Amino acid sequence: MNNYENKIVITTGDPNGIGAEITIKALNLLNLPSKDIVIISNSKILNTYGSINNKYEVIEIDNPAKIVPGEVSASAGDFAFRALQKACELKPKFIVTAPTSKEAMNLAGHNYTGQTEILEKFLAHDGQKAEMLFVSKDFRILLLTRHVPLKEVSGLITKELIIEKTERLRSFFQNKLMIKKPSFALCSLNPHAGENGLIGREEEEKILPAIEAVRKRGINITNPLPADTLFVKAVQNYIKEEKIPYDCYIACYHDQGLIPIKAIASKKTVNMTIGLDIIRTSPGHGTAFDIAGKNIANPESMIEAIKYCLY
């Protein structure tokens, strides 16, 4: 066992965003034992945005650049990348990541579309793939495609992709959540699920054959259903604190899945990376450069991200 195997490692994200602020606020409100938490950051960054009540271990990442709240910079992107890389090297039980800027990291030469892809780069082995799951209580949404232009989504969704991702999702439910027979609902790509080919043929030509193959593997999944009506009952039940109809909803593209969960639970939504040995959680929002340094950032989503690691 390494020194971090049973710990929650937290990165503070882009030093010019709200990451350090919400990390400090969340930890102070949660008041967790010092032995459970490790922070990967920089003392100058932490001191700029507040003061942590408990004496948690802080692993220092060099940050020679000036901290400029709200500024997108290569130096800030490089710091955020190196902090996340260090978190992966420690191989802890959980990683919690504060928001980073894709633009800043790319300016620094780290050409990834998000932290999920970086985690996969450093943690995946034996063909593992990282998946992006958004969660608020028992309302869960998996994305088939992530940070890609909408015009490319249709070409990326294949029978093989659907089979692979539903298998990984089932494995997560069975091995991590201990739900033996989870139920999945699949959003259609086209309006009205294509109307039998009148509004697109992806459902008939790619998605339905994938569903048939998935069911043969024993996975409980719906036919592709129009997202505008599929999410209605889930949202209604979430508001009434009743059981969500399905264990997980599978969205074809980013906004299709994130609009319903963020509309109903923007401050409680957690971005979870599954499919790797280590589970990573993160707030469901971004760096919020517009309010960085003003001490007004809401830590609720960061609190939820940390709390998911305590169960």
Protein backbone atom coordinates (compact mmCIF):
# COMPACT_ATOMS: atom_id res chain seq x y z
CA MET A 1 0.00 0.00 0.00
CA ASN A 2 1.34 3.44 -0.89
CA ASN A 3 0.95 6.44 1.40
CA TYR A 4 -2.02 7.78 -0.54
CA GLU A 5 -4.02 4.67 -1.35
CA ASN A 6 -6.80 5.47 1.15
CA LYS A 7 -6.76 9.23 0.76
CA ILE A 8 -8.74 11.82 -1.17
CA VAL A 9 -6.35 13.90 -3.27
CA ILE A 10 -7.65 17.34 -4.27
CA THR A 11 -6.24 19.58 -6.99
CA THR A 12 -7.13 23.28 -6.97
CA GLY A 13 -7.36 23.69 -10.73
CA ASP A 14 -6.53 26.87 -12.63
CA PRO A 15 -4.87 29.35 -10.22
CA ASN A 16 -6.63 32.26 -11.90
CA GLY A 17 -10.11 30.71 -11.51
CA ILE A 18 -12.29 29.90 -8.52
CA GLY A 19 -10.76 26.46 -7.87
CA ALA A 20 -8.67 27.31 -4.82
CA GLU A 21 -11.47 29.43 -3.35
CA ILE A 22 -14.11 26.72 -3.55
CA THR A 23 -11.64 24.08 -2.33
CA ILE A 24 -10.87 26.13 0.78
CA LYS A 25 -14.54 26.90 1.43
CA ALA A 26 -15.60 23.28 0.90
CA LEU A 27 -12.94 21.84 3.20
CA ASN A 28 -13.69 24.38 5.92
CA LEU A 29 -17.40 23.58 5.80
CA LEU A 30 -16.87 19.81 5.71
CA ASN A 31 -14.17 19.86 8.43
CA LEU A 32 -12.80 16.46 7.45
CA PRO A 33 -10.01 14.69 9.37
CA SER A 34 -6.55 15.83 8.33
CA LYS A 35 -5.43 12.24 7.72
CA ASP A 36 -7.97 11.75 4.91
CA ILE A 37 -7.13 14.72 2.67
CA VAL A 38 -4.14 15.71 0.54
CA ILE A 39 -4.13 18.96 -1.43
CA ILE A 40 -2.01 19.38 -4.54
CA SER A 41 -1.54 23.10 -5.06
CA ASN A 42 0.79 25.91 -4.11
CA SER A 43 0.91 27.81 -0.81
CA LYS A 44 0.92 31.17 -2.59
CA ILE A 45 -2.24 30.24 -4.47
CA LEU A 46 -3.99 28.96 -1.35
CA ASN A 47 -3.06 32.05 0.65
CA THR A 48 -4.33 34.30 -2.13
CA TYR A 49 -7.83 32.86 -1.95
CA GLY A 50 -8.32 32.14 1.74
CA SER A 51 -7.21 30.13 4.73
CA ILE A 52 -7.79 26.43 5.46
CA ASN A 53 -8.81 25.68 9.03
CA ASN A 54 -7.31 22.17 9.30
CA LYS A 55 -3.69 21.22 8.73
CA TYR A 56 -4.01 19.08 5.62
CA GLU A 57 -0.96 17.83 3.78
CA VAL A 58 -0.17 20.14 0.87
CA ILE A 59 1.99 18.87 -1.98
CA GLU A 60 3.58 21.93 -3.55
CA ILE A 61 3.58 22.42 -7.31
CA ASP A 62 5.89 25.20 -8.47
CA ASN A 63 4.03 28.26 -9.74
CA PRO A 64 6.47 31.04 -10.66
CA ALA A 65 3.90 33.17 -12.48
CA LYS A 66 1.90 35.97 -10.92
CA ILE A 67 -1.64 35.06 -9.89
CA VAL A 68 -4.09 37.19 -11.90
CA PRO A 69 -7.71 36.25 -11.13
CA GLY A 70 -9.74 36.00 -14.33
CA GLU A 71 -6.78 35.80 -16.70
CA VAL A 72 -6.38 32.93 -19.17
CA SER A 73 -2.68 32.16 -19.36
CA ALA A 74 -0.31 29.42 -20.45
CA SER A 75 1.45 29.46 -17.07
CA ALA A 76 -1.83 28.86 -15.23
CA GLY A 77 -2.74 26.07 -17.64
CA ASP A 78 0.66 24.44 -17.17
CA PHE A 79 0.29 24.57 -13.38
CA ALA A 80 -3.15 22.96 -13.53
CA PHE A 81 -1.85 20.21 -15.81
CA ARG A 82 1.18 19.44 -13.63
CA ALA A 83 -0.98 19.31 -10.50
CA LEU A 84 -3.31 16.78 -12.12
CA GLN A 85 -0.37 14.75 -13.38
CA LYS A 86 0.99 14.62 -9.83
CA ALA A 87 -2.38 13.47 -8.49
CA CYS A 88 -2.34 10.58 -10.94
CA GLU A 89 1.20 9.62 -9.92
CA LEU A 90 0.11 9.26 -6.28
CA LYS A 91 -2.55 6.68 -7.21
CA PRO A 92 -4.92 7.59 -4.37
CA LYS A 93 -8.34 6.12 -3.69
CA PHE A 94 -10.07 9.20 -5.08
CA ILE A 95 -9.10 12.33 -6.99
CA VAL A 96 -11.19 15.49 -6.69
CA THR A 97 -10.36 18.15 -9.25
CA ALA A 98 -11.28 21.82 -9.13
CA PRO A 99 -12.07 23.38 -12.53
CA THR A 100 -9.39 24.00 -15.13
CA SER A 101 -9.35 25.99 -18.36
CA LYS A 102 -9.03 23.95 -21.54
CA GLU A 103 -7.87 27.09 -23.34
CA ALA A 104 -5.13 27.77 -20.78
CA MET A 105 -3.85 24.20 -20.86
CA ASN A 106 -3.77 24.21 -24.64
CA LEU A 107 -1.86 27.51 -24.59
CA ALA A 108 0.71 25.67 -22.47
CA GLY A 109 0.99 22.92 -25.07
CA HIS A 110 -1.14 20.35 -23.25
CA ASN A 111 -3.54 19.53 -26.04
CA TYR A 112 -6.43 17.79 -24.34
CA THR A 113 -10.14 18.51 -24.49
CA GLY A 114 -10.55 18.22 -20.73
CA GLN A 115 -9.36 16.69 -17.47
CA THR A 116 -11.13 13.41 -18.29
CA GLU A 117 -8.80 12.85 -21.22
CA ILE A 118 -5.73 13.71 -19.11
CA LEU A 119 -6.79 11.22 -16.45
CA GLU A 120 -7.18 8.56 -19.12
CA LYS A 121 -3.71 9.36 -20.47
CA PHE A 122 -2.03 8.84 -17.09
CA LEU A 123 -4.22 6.21 -15.43
CA ALA A 124 -5.64 3.91 -18.10
CA HIS A 125 -4.16 0.46 -18.66
CA ASP A 126 -5.14 -2.74 -20.43
CA GLY A 127 -7.52 -0.97 -22.79
CA GLN A 128 -9.36 1.06 -20.14
CA LYS A 129 -11.30 4.11 -21.27
CA ALA A 130 -12.45 7.00 -19.14
CA GLU A 131 -16.15 7.88 -19.22
CA MET A 132 -17.86 11.10 -18.15
CA LEU A 133 -20.79 10.59 -15.79
CA PHE A 134 -22.76 13.49 -14.32
CA VAL A 135 -24.50 12.84 -11.04
CA SER A 136 -26.84 14.55 -8.60
CA LYS A 137 -28.21 12.18 -5.97
CA ASP A 138 -29.58 9.25 -8.01
CA PHE A 139 -30.02 11.28 -11.22
CA ARG A 140 -27.15 10.11 -13.45
CA ILE A 141 -26.25 10.93 -17.04
CA LEU A 142 -23.51 9.34 -19.15
CA LEU A 143 -22.23 11.10 -22.28
CA LEU A 144 -21.66 9.04 -25.43
CA THR A 145 -19.61 11.90 -26.88
CA ARG A 146 -17.98 14.67 -24.86
CA HIS A 147 -16.25 17.87 -25.96
CA VAL A 148 -16.68 17.61 -29.71
CA PRO A 149 -18.39 19.88 -32.26
CA LEU A 150 -22.05 19.04 -32.72
CA LYS A 151 -21.53 18.47 -36.46
CA GLU A 152 -19.22 15.55 -35.65
CA VAL A 153 -21.50 13.72 -33.22
CA SER A 154 -23.36 11.60 -35.77
CA GLY A 155 -20.15 10.23 -37.24
CA LEU A 156 -18.75 9.38 -33.82
CA ILE A 157 -21.78 7.42 -32.65
CA THR A 158 -21.36 3.85 -33.85
CA LYS A 159 -22.70 0.47 -32.87
CA GLU A 160 -19.32 -0.38 -31.36
CA LEU A 161 -19.22 2.82 -29.31
CA ILE A 162 -22.63 2.20 -27.77
CA ILE A 163 -21.76 -1.39 -26.90
CA GLU A 164 -18.43 -0.44 -25.30
CA LYS A 165 -19.81 2.44 -23.25
CA THR A 166 -22.85 0.56 -21.95
CA GLU A 167 -20.58 -2.32 -20.90
CA ARG A 168 -18.34 0.09 -18.96
CA LEU A 169 -21.39 1.69 -17.42
CA ARG A 170 -22.77 -1.68 -16.32
CA SER A 171 -19.41 -2.59 -14.83
CA PHE A 172 -19.38 0.63 -12.81
CA PHE A 173 -22.86 0.01 -11.45
CA GLN A 174 -22.15 -3.61 -10.57
CA ASN A 175 -18.65 -3.18 -9.14
CA LYS A 176 -18.75 0.29 -7.59
CA LEU A 177 -22.42 0.99 -6.81
CA MET A 178 -23.32 -2.67 -6.18
CA ILE A 179 -26.42 -2.46 -8.38
CA LYS A 180 -26.53 -5.85 -10.09
CA LYS A 181 -29.11 -5.14 -12.80
CA PRO A 182 -29.09 -1.40 -13.55
CA SER A 183 -31.59 0.12 -15.95
CA PHE A 184 -30.44 2.49 -18.68
CA ALA A 185 -32.42 4.92 -20.84
CA LEU A 186 -30.89 5.98 -24.16
CA CYS A 187 -31.60 9.38 -25.71
CA SER A 188 -32.18 9.43 -29.45
CA LEU A 189 -29.86 11.52 -31.57
CA ASN A 190 -32.61 13.04 -33.74
CA PRO A 191 -35.86 14.77 -32.77
CA HIS A 192 -38.71 12.31 -32.21
CA ALA A 193 -36.18 9.45 -32.45
CA GLY A 194 -35.94 10.05 -36.19
CA GLU A 195 -39.65 9.49 -36.98
CA ASN A 196 -38.89 6.19 -38.73
CA GLY A 197 -36.24 7.79 -40.89
CA LEU A 198 -38.07 11.00 -41.75
CA ILE A 199 -35.82 13.13 -39.50
CA GLY A 200 -32.59 11.19 -39.71
CA ARG A 201 -31.65 7.54 -40.09
CA GLU A 202 -29.08 7.14 -37.29
CA GLU A 203 -31.61 5.50 -34.98
CA GLU A 204 -32.57 2.82 -37.52
CA GLU A 205 -29.16 2.25 -39.05
CA LYS A 206 -26.81 2.47 -36.05
CA ILE A 207 -28.51 2.87 -32.70
CA LEU A 208 -31.20 0.18 -32.81
CA PRO A 209 -28.77 -2.53 -34.01
CA ALA A 210 -26.48 -1.54 -31.13
CA ILE A 211 -29.37 -1.82 -28.68
CA GLU A 212 -30.15 -5.34 -29.90
CA ALA A 213 -26.52 -6.35 -29.38
CA VAL A 214 -26.43 -4.75 -25.94
CA ARG A 215 -29.58 -6.59 -24.82
CA LYS A 216 -28.07 -9.90 -25.93
CA ARG A 217 -25.35 -9.17 -23.39
CA GLY A 218 -27.95 -8.95 -20.65
CA ILE A 219 -28.02 -5.17 -20.31
CA ASN A 220 -31.36 -3.55 -19.52
CA ILE A 221 -31.67 -0.58 -21.89
CA THR A 222 -34.50 1.23 -23.68
CA ASN A 223 -34.85 1.89 -27.37
CA PRO A 224 -33.64 5.38 -28.32
CA LEU A 225 -36.21 7.80 -26.90
CA PRO A 226 -36.71 11.52 -27.62
CA ALA A 227 -34.73 13.41 -25.00
CA ASP A 228 -37.25 16.23 -24.66
CA THR A 229 -39.83 13.86 -23.20
CA LEU A 230 -37.49 11.26 -21.69
CA PHE A 231 -36.12 13.67 -19.08
CA VAL A 232 -39.51 15.06 -18.01
CA LYS A 233 -40.30 12.32 -15.48
CA ALA A 234 -36.73 12.32 -14.17
CA VAL A 235 -36.85 16.05 -13.48
CA GLN A 236 -40.30 15.84 -11.91
CA ASN A 237 -39.23 13.01 -9.62
CA TYR A 238 -36.01 14.80 -8.68
CA ILE A 239 -38.01 17.84 -7.58
CA LYS A 240 -40.41 15.67 -5.56
CA GLU A 241 -37.48 13.65 -4.15
CA GLU A 242 -38.93 10.46 -5.60
CA LYS A 243 -37.08 7.62 -7.31
CA ILE A 244 -35.68 8.47 -10.74
CA PRO A 245 -37.21 6.12 -13.36
CA TYR A 246 -33.85 4.80 -14.64
CA ASP A 247 -30.52 4.22 -12.94
CA CYS A 248 -28.74 6.13 -15.69
CA TYR A 249 -29.61 8.15 -18.78
CA ILE A 250 -27.28 7.96 -21.77
CA ALA A 251 -27.03 11.15 -23.84
CA CYS A 252 -25.67 11.31 -27.37
CA TYR A 253 -23.89 14.63 -26.91
CA HIS A 254 -22.76 17.09 -24.27
CA ASP A 255 -25.61 19.59 -24.05
CA GLN A 256 -28.33 16.99 -24.51
CA GLY A 257 -27.31 15.42 -21.23
CA LEU A 258 -26.14 18.40 -19.24
CA ILE A 259 -29.03 20.80 -19.80
CA PRO A 260 -31.60 18.77 -17.81
CA ILE A 261 -29.36 17.92 -14.85
CA LYS A 262 -27.82 21.37 -14.58
CA ALA A 263 -31.18 23.08 -14.99
CA ILE A 264 -32.58 21.18 -12.01
CA ALA A 265 -29.44 20.77 -9.89
CA SER A 266 -26.76 23.21 -11.06
CA LYS A 267 -25.23 23.62 -7.60
CA LYS A 268 -25.39 19.93 -6.74
CA THR A 269 -24.13 18.34 -9.95
CA VAL A 270 -20.89 16.38 -9.86
CA ASN A 271 -18.78 15.40 -12.85
CA MET A 272 -17.49 11.87 -12.23
CA THR A 273 -14.86 10.02 -14.24
CA ILE A 274 -15.48 6.28 -14.33
CA GLY A 275 -13.88 3.38 -16.20
CA LEU A 276 -10.47 3.73 -14.54
CA ASP A 277 -9.16 2.18 -11.33
CA ILE A 278 -9.41 5.54 -9.56
CA ILE A 279 -12.69 7.43 -9.41
CA ARG A 280 -12.40 11.16 -9.97
CA THR A 281 -15.04 13.70 -9.08
CA SER A 282 -15.26 17.38 -9.90
CA PRO A 283 -17.74 20.25 -9.62
CA GLY A 284 -20.16 20.39 -12.52
CA HIS A 285 -19.12 23.96 -13.39
CA GLY A 286 -16.08 25.70 -14.83
CA THR A 287 -13.42 28.15 -13.72
CA ALA A 288 -15.83 31.12 -13.48
CA PHE A 289 -13.11 33.60 -14.41
CA ASP A 290 -15.66 36.42 -14.24
CA ILE A 291 -15.97 36.11 -10.45
CA ALA A 292 -12.48 34.81 -9.63
CA GLY A 293 -10.82 36.64 -6.76
CA LYS A 294 -14.05 38.24 -5.52
CA ASN A 295 -14.69 35.68 -2.76
CA ILE A 296 -18.27 35.10 -3.92
CA ALA A 297 -17.93 31.63 -5.52
CA ASN A 298 -20.43 29.04 -4.32
CA PRO A 299 -18.69 25.87 -3.05
CA GLU A 300 -21.78 23.59 -3.08
CA SER A 301 -20.79 21.57 -6.13
CA MET A 302 -17.25 21.15 -4.77
CA ILE A 303 -18.70 20.00 -1.46
CA GLU A 304 -20.79 17.41 -3.31
CA ALA A 305 -17.73 16.27 -5.29
CA ILE A 306 -15.82 15.63 -2.06
CA LYS A 307 -18.80 14.02 -0.33
CA TYR A 308 -19.11 11.43 -3.13
CA CYS A 309 -15.68 10.18 -2.09
CA LEU A 310 -16.76 9.67 1.52
CA TYR A 311 -19.43 7.05 0.82
